[in-house]
Each structure stands twice: as C-alpha cells, then as structure tokens.
Amino acid sequence: EAEILDVCTDECEAGELWLSIRLKNTGETAVPSGTMLSIYGLDGVQEVYITTTTLTQEIEAGWSSESFQVGLYAEDIEGMNGILVRADDDGTGTGMLQECSELDNAVQADDAFCP
C-alpha cells in the first residue's frame, strides 16, 4: 500500500517537487528489496509515466517502510490534474509480486504541484 506523506514545494523555483512516500505491507509475506514503485501524472483519465524508483529495504508483513523522497521535475507534471504513485509497478503497469488484490497499491494526490 503506497502512502504519500508530504508534498514539498520548497524547491519549485529550481523546477523540482519532492514527494515523501511510505509503503505499508498489509500482505502476509515480505515485500523484497528491489521491488519497484512508479509515479504517473494524471492527464484526465490517462496515466502518463514519469519515473520509477526501487525499494532498498525489505518490508516484513504487517510493517511499513521508512519514508523516502522522490524528486520530480515540475515540467513533467505541468498541466496534469493529479499524481499517481503505484507500488509494485515497473513503469509499464506490471509488478513482480503475486497478490490477491492490487487495488491498495496506488494512491493519488491531486495537490502535488508547484504553485
């Protein structure tokens, strides 16, 4: 389960926006390090790929990751009407983990923009 903890706009003048993200493992098995997380811009109902990052730590069942930051270029999200963060996604919508439900892997932020 992806969770956006904070949207930092302090560096927007330099063209960067930072997301603070945490992943919760609500499953029954560990999420291995190396699992990917992708970020998409939302252009209406279409998802526009922006970037992918990789977990550097395993997340045991029932635990959460440490928070980590992902930087985005303001120009990549300009004109978008939201940001989607999806856990277990390699940037093509494909994951490596077998899950009963993928529905809790994504979280949307409608306020992740530079002012």
N, C-alpha and C. Protein backbone atom coordinates (compact mmCIF):
# COMPACT_ATOMS: atom_id res chain seq x y z
N GLU A 1 0.85 -1.17 0.00
CA GLU A 1 0.00 0.00 0.00
C GLU A 1 0.90 1.23 0.00
N ALA A 2 0.74 2.08 -0.99
CA ALA A 2 1.52 3.31 -1.10
C ALA A 2 0.83 4.43 -0.32
N GLU A 3 1.64 5.29 0.26
CA GLU A 3 1.12 6.41 1.03
C GLU A 3 2.00 7.63 0.78
N ILE A 4 1.40 8.74 0.40
CA ILE A 4 2.14 10.00 0.23
C ILE A 4 2.04 10.76 1.54
N LEU A 5 3.17 10.95 2.19
CA LEU A 5 3.20 11.62 3.49
C LEU A 5 3.27 13.13 3.37
N ASP A 6 3.97 13.61 2.34
CA ASP A 6 4.19 15.05 2.21
C ASP A 6 4.50 15.39 0.77
N VAL A 7 4.11 16.58 0.36
CA VAL A 7 4.49 17.15 -0.93
C VAL A 7 5.27 18.42 -0.61
N CYS A 8 6.55 18.43 -0.96
CA CYS A 8 7.41 19.56 -0.65
C CYS A 8 7.61 20.42 -1.89
N THR A 9 7.20 21.68 -1.79
CA THR A 9 7.30 22.61 -2.90
C THR A 9 8.41 23.65 -2.68
N ASP A 10 9.27 23.44 -1.68
CA ASP A 10 10.32 24.41 -1.36
C ASP A 10 11.28 24.66 -2.52
N GLU A 11 11.46 23.68 -3.39
CA GLU A 11 12.42 23.82 -4.49
C GLU A 11 11.75 24.00 -5.84
N CYS A 12 10.50 24.45 -5.82
CA CYS A 12 9.77 24.66 -7.07
C CYS A 12 10.43 25.73 -7.95
N GLU A 13 11.01 26.74 -7.34
CA GLU A 13 11.68 27.78 -8.14
C GLU A 13 12.84 27.20 -8.93
N ALA A 14 13.44 26.13 -8.42
CA ALA A 14 14.52 25.43 -9.13
C ALA A 14 13.96 24.35 -10.07
N GLY A 15 12.62 24.23 -10.12
CA GLY A 15 11.99 23.29 -11.04
C GLY A 15 11.81 21.89 -10.49
N GLU A 16 11.87 21.73 -9.15
CA GLU A 16 11.72 20.41 -8.56
C GLU A 16 10.62 20.38 -7.51
N LEU A 17 9.95 19.26 -7.45
CA LEU A 17 8.92 18.97 -6.46
C LEU A 17 9.31 17.64 -5.83
N TRP A 18 9.19 17.53 -4.51
CA TRP A 18 9.58 16.31 -3.81
C TRP A 18 8.38 15.67 -3.15
N LEU A 19 8.26 14.35 -3.30
CA LEU A 19 7.23 13.58 -2.62
C LEU A 19 7.89 12.75 -1.54
N SER A 20 7.31 12.74 -0.35
CA SER A 20 7.74 11.86 0.73
C SER A 20 6.75 10.70 0.75
N ILE A 21 7.27 9.49 0.58
CA ILE A 21 6.43 8.31 0.37
C ILE A 21 6.78 7.24 1.40
N ARG A 22 5.79 6.47 1.79
CA ARG A 22 5.99 5.30 2.65
C ARG A 22 5.14 4.17 2.08
N LEU A 23 5.66 2.97 2.17
CA LEU A 23 4.91 1.80 1.75
C LEU A 23 4.55 0.95 2.96
N LYS A 24 3.30 0.51 3.00
CA LYS A 24 2.84 -0.39 4.06
C LYS A 24 2.62 -1.77 3.45
N ASN A 25 3.10 -2.78 4.12
CA ASN A 25 2.90 -4.15 3.67
C ASN A 25 1.75 -4.75 4.46
N THR A 26 0.57 -4.77 3.85
CA THR A 26 -0.60 -5.33 4.51
C THR A 26 -0.80 -6.81 4.15
N GLY A 27 0.16 -7.36 3.39
CA GLY A 27 0.09 -8.76 2.99
C GLY A 27 0.65 -9.68 4.06
N GLU A 28 0.75 -10.95 3.71
CA GLU A 28 1.19 -11.97 4.65
C GLU A 28 2.62 -12.43 4.43
N THR A 29 3.26 -11.92 3.37
CA THR A 29 4.66 -12.26 3.11
C THR A 29 5.46 -10.97 2.94
N ALA A 30 6.75 -11.06 3.10
CA ALA A 30 7.62 -9.88 2.99
C ALA A 30 7.64 -9.35 1.55
N VAL A 31 7.73 -8.02 1.44
CA VAL A 31 7.97 -7.37 0.16
C VAL A 31 9.48 -7.24 0.03
N PRO A 32 10.08 -7.85 -1.00
CA PRO A 32 11.54 -7.85 -1.08
C PRO A 32 12.13 -6.51 -1.51
N SER A 33 13.37 -6.26 -1.08
CA SER A 33 14.07 -5.10 -1.62
C SER A 33 14.20 -5.35 -3.13
N GLY A 34 14.25 -4.28 -3.88
CA GLY A 34 14.27 -4.39 -5.33
C GLY A 34 12.90 -4.25 -5.96
N THR A 35 11.85 -4.26 -5.13
CA THR A 35 10.50 -4.03 -5.65
C THR A 35 10.42 -2.59 -6.15
N MET A 36 9.79 -2.41 -7.31
CA MET A 36 9.72 -1.08 -7.92
C MET A 36 8.44 -0.34 -7.58
N LEU A 37 8.52 0.97 -7.64
CA LEU A 37 7.41 1.87 -7.40
C LEU A 37 7.45 2.91 -8.52
N SER A 38 6.34 3.13 -9.18
CA SER A 38 6.32 4.08 -10.29
C SER A 38 5.38 5.24 -10.02
N ILE A 39 5.69 6.35 -10.64
CA ILE A 39 4.90 7.57 -10.49
C ILE A 39 4.41 7.99 -11.86
N TYR A 40 3.12 8.31 -11.91
CA TYR A 40 2.47 8.73 -13.13
C TYR A 40 1.80 10.08 -12.92
N GLY A 41 1.76 10.88 -13.96
CA GLY A 41 0.93 12.07 -13.97
C GLY A 41 -0.43 11.68 -14.51
N LEU A 42 -1.46 12.33 -14.02
CA LEU A 42 -2.82 12.05 -14.50
C LEU A 42 -3.26 13.18 -15.40
N ASP A 43 -3.50 12.84 -16.65
CA ASP A 43 -3.95 13.78 -17.66
C ASP A 43 -5.37 13.37 -18.03
N GLY A 44 -6.33 13.92 -17.28
CA GLY A 44 -7.70 13.43 -17.41
C GLY A 44 -7.75 12.04 -16.79
N VAL A 45 -8.11 11.04 -17.58
CA VAL A 45 -8.13 9.67 -17.08
C VAL A 45 -6.90 8.88 -17.53
N GLN A 46 -6.06 9.49 -18.37
CA GLN A 46 -4.87 8.82 -18.87
C GLN A 46 -3.69 8.97 -17.90
N GLU A 47 -2.98 7.86 -17.65
CA GLU A 47 -1.78 7.87 -16.82
C GLU A 47 -0.56 8.09 -17.72
N VAL A 48 0.25 9.10 -17.35
CA VAL A 48 1.45 9.43 -18.12
C VAL A 48 2.65 9.08 -17.25
N TYR A 49 3.45 8.13 -17.69
CA TYR A 49 4.60 7.68 -16.91
C TYR A 49 5.60 8.82 -16.68
N ILE A 50 6.09 8.93 -15.42
CA ILE A 50 7.09 9.94 -15.07
C ILE A 50 8.40 9.29 -14.66
N THR A 51 8.37 8.43 -13.64
CA THR A 51 9.62 7.84 -13.15
C THR A 51 9.35 6.58 -12.35
N THR A 52 10.41 5.82 -12.12
CA THR A 52 10.36 4.61 -11.29
C THR A 52 11.50 4.66 -10.30
N THR A 53 11.25 4.19 -9.09
CA THR A 53 12.29 4.06 -8.08
C THR A 53 12.22 2.64 -7.52
N THR A 54 13.29 2.20 -6.88
CA THR A 54 13.39 0.84 -6.38
C THR A 54 13.54 0.84 -4.86
N LEU A 55 12.81 -0.04 -4.19
CA LEU A 55 12.94 -0.18 -2.74
C LEU A 55 14.33 -0.73 -2.40
N THR A 56 14.94 -0.14 -1.41
CA THR A 56 16.27 -0.59 -0.99
C THR A 56 16.22 -1.44 0.27
N GLN A 57 15.02 -1.65 0.79
CA GLN A 57 14.87 -2.44 2.00
C GLN A 57 13.68 -3.39 1.87
N GLU A 58 13.78 -4.53 2.52
CA GLU A 58 12.67 -5.46 2.59
C GLU A 58 11.65 -4.92 3.58
N ILE A 59 10.37 -5.16 3.32
CA ILE A 59 9.31 -4.75 4.24
C ILE A 59 8.61 -6.02 4.72
N GLU A 60 8.77 -6.33 5.99
CA GLU A 60 8.14 -7.52 6.56
C GLU A 60 6.61 -7.36 6.56
N ALA A 61 5.92 -8.48 6.55
CA ALA A 61 4.45 -8.48 6.61
C ALA A 61 3.98 -7.72 7.84
N GLY A 62 3.01 -6.82 7.64
CA GLY A 62 2.46 -6.05 8.74
C GLY A 62 3.26 -4.82 9.13
N TRP A 63 4.34 -4.54 8.41
CA TRP A 63 5.20 -3.39 8.73
C TRP A 63 5.18 -2.37 7.59
N SER A 64 5.73 -1.19 7.87
CA SER A 64 5.86 -0.12 6.89
C SER A 64 7.33 0.16 6.62
N SER A 65 7.60 0.72 5.45
CA SER A 65 8.96 1.14 5.13
C SER A 65 9.26 2.45 5.85
N GLU A 66 10.54 2.78 5.90
CA GLU A 66 10.93 4.14 6.29
C GLU A 66 10.41 5.05 5.19
N SER A 67 10.17 6.31 5.50
CA SER A 67 9.77 7.22 4.44
C SER A 67 10.98 7.49 3.55
N PHE A 68 10.71 7.73 2.29
CA PHE A 68 11.77 8.06 1.34
C PHE A 68 11.26 9.14 0.40
N GLN A 69 12.18 9.88 -0.19
CA GLN A 69 11.81 11.00 -1.03
C GLN A 69 12.08 10.67 -2.50
N VAL A 70 11.16 11.15 -3.34
CA VAL A 70 11.30 11.03 -4.78
C VAL A 70 11.14 12.42 -5.36
N GLY A 71 12.13 12.86 -6.12
CA GLY A 71 12.08 14.16 -6.76
C GLY A 71 11.48 14.08 -8.15
N LEU A 72 10.64 15.05 -8.45
CA LEU A 72 10.03 15.15 -9.78
C LEU A 72 10.37 16.50 -10.38
N TYR A 73 10.55 16.53 -11.68
CA TYR A 73 10.73 17.81 -12.37
C TYR A 73 9.37 18.45 -12.54
N ALA A 74 9.27 19.71 -12.17
CA ALA A 74 8.00 20.43 -12.25
C ALA A 74 7.44 20.39 -13.67
N GLU A 75 8.31 20.44 -14.67
CA GLU A 75 7.84 20.44 -16.06
C GLU A 75 7.17 19.12 -16.44
N ASP A 76 7.55 18.02 -15.76
CA ASP A 76 6.94 16.72 -16.06
C ASP A 76 5.51 16.61 -15.57
N ILE A 77 5.14 17.42 -14.60
CA ILE A 77 3.78 17.34 -14.06
C ILE A 77 2.94 18.57 -14.42
N GLU A 78 3.54 19.50 -15.15
CA GLU A 78 2.81 20.70 -15.56
C GLU A 78 1.63 20.31 -16.45
N GLY A 79 0.47 20.85 -16.15
CA GLY A 79 -0.73 20.56 -16.93
C GLY A 79 -1.46 19.29 -16.50
N MET A 80 -0.88 18.52 -15.62
CA MET A 80 -1.53 17.31 -15.13
C MET A 80 -2.56 17.68 -14.06
N ASN A 81 -3.55 16.83 -13.85
CA ASN A 81 -4.54 17.12 -12.82
C ASN A 81 -4.42 16.18 -11.63
N GLY A 82 -3.26 15.54 -11.48
CA GLY A 82 -3.00 14.68 -10.34
C GLY A 82 -1.74 13.86 -10.55
N ILE A 83 -1.31 13.23 -9.47
CA ILE A 83 -0.16 12.33 -9.48
C ILE A 83 -0.63 10.99 -8.92
N LEU A 84 -0.19 9.91 -9.52
CA LEU A 84 -0.50 8.57 -9.05
C LEU A 84 0.80 7.87 -8.69
N VAL A 85 0.89 7.36 -7.47
CA VAL A 85 2.04 6.58 -7.02
C VAL A 85 1.56 5.15 -6.90
N ARG A 86 2.24 4.22 -7.61
CA ARG A 86 1.81 2.83 -7.59
C ARG A 86 2.97 1.92 -7.19
N ALA A 87 2.78 1.18 -6.10
CA ALA A 87 3.77 0.22 -5.62
C ALA A 87 3.71 -1.04 -6.49
N ASP A 88 4.82 -1.77 -6.54
CA ASP A 88 4.95 -2.99 -7.32
C ASP A 88 4.58 -2.73 -8.77
N ASP A 89 5.23 -1.74 -9.36
CA ASP A 89 4.99 -1.33 -10.74
C ASP A 89 6.32 -0.94 -11.36
N ASP A 90 6.67 -1.57 -12.46
CA ASP A 90 7.96 -1.31 -13.10
C ASP A 90 7.92 -0.18 -14.13
N GLY A 91 6.83 0.55 -14.18
CA GLY A 91 6.69 1.65 -15.14
C GLY A 91 5.87 1.27 -16.35
N THR A 92 5.50 0.00 -16.43
CA THR A 92 4.64 -0.47 -17.52
C THR A 92 3.30 -0.97 -17.01
N GLY A 93 3.08 -0.80 -15.69
CA GLY A 93 1.87 -1.32 -15.07
C GLY A 93 2.02 -2.76 -14.61
N THR A 94 3.24 -3.30 -14.73
CA THR A 94 3.50 -4.69 -14.37
C THR A 94 4.25 -4.77 -13.06
N GLY A 95 3.85 -5.67 -12.19
CA GLY A 95 4.52 -5.88 -10.92
C GLY A 95 5.15 -7.25 -10.86
N MET A 96 5.98 -7.46 -9.84
CA MET A 96 6.64 -8.76 -9.69
C MET A 96 6.04 -9.60 -8.57
N LEU A 97 5.19 -8.99 -7.74
CA LEU A 97 4.63 -9.70 -6.60
C LEU A 97 3.26 -10.29 -6.93
N GLN A 98 3.03 -11.51 -6.49
CA GLN A 98 1.73 -12.15 -6.65
C GLN A 98 0.86 -11.70 -5.47
N GLU A 99 -0.26 -11.04 -5.76
CA GLU A 99 -1.12 -10.52 -4.70
C GLU A 99 -2.56 -10.89 -4.97
N CYS A 100 -3.34 -11.00 -3.89
CA CYS A 100 -4.77 -11.25 -4.03
C CYS A 100 -5.46 -10.05 -4.67
N SER A 101 -5.05 -8.86 -4.25
CA SER A 101 -5.64 -7.63 -4.77
C SER A 101 -4.55 -6.59 -4.97
N GLU A 102 -4.56 -5.97 -6.13
CA GLU A 102 -3.62 -4.90 -6.46
C GLU A 102 -4.22 -3.53 -6.14
N LEU A 103 -5.47 -3.50 -5.68
CA LEU A 103 -6.19 -2.24 -5.52
C LEU A 103 -5.57 -1.30 -4.49
N ASP A 104 -4.86 -1.82 -3.48
CA ASP A 104 -4.29 -0.94 -2.46
C ASP A 104 -2.86 -0.51 -2.79
N ASN A 105 -2.39 -0.81 -3.99
CA ASN A 105 -1.02 -0.46 -4.36
C ASN A 105 -0.87 0.98 -4.83
N ALA A 106 -1.95 1.66 -5.10
CA ALA A 106 -1.87 3.00 -5.68
C ALA A 106 -2.52 4.04 -4.78
N VAL A 107 -1.93 5.24 -4.83
CA VAL A 107 -2.51 6.38 -4.13
C VAL A 107 -2.40 7.58 -5.05
N GLN A 108 -3.43 8.41 -5.04
CA GLN A 108 -3.49 9.59 -5.90
C GLN A 108 -3.38 10.85 -5.06
N ALA A 109 -2.64 11.82 -5.58
CA ALA A 109 -2.55 13.14 -4.94
C ALA A 109 -2.96 14.18 -5.96
N ASP A 110 -3.97 14.95 -5.62
CA ASP A 110 -4.43 16.00 -6.52
C ASP A 110 -3.76 17.33 -6.25
N ASP A 111 -2.91 17.40 -5.18
CA ASP A 111 -2.29 18.66 -4.79
C ASP A 111 -0.76 18.65 -4.97
N ALA A 112 -0.25 17.72 -5.76
CA ALA A 112 1.20 17.58 -5.92
C ALA A 112 1.68 18.40 -7.12
N PHE A 113 1.67 19.73 -6.93
CA PHE A 113 2.07 20.64 -8.00
C PHE A 113 2.84 21.80 -7.43
N CYS A 114 3.66 22.39 -8.29
CA CYS A 114 4.32 23.64 -7.90
C CYS A 114 3.32 24.77 -8.07
N PRO A 115 3.33 25.69 -7.10
CA PRO A 115 2.36 26.81 -7.19
C PRO A 115 2.70 27.76 -8.32
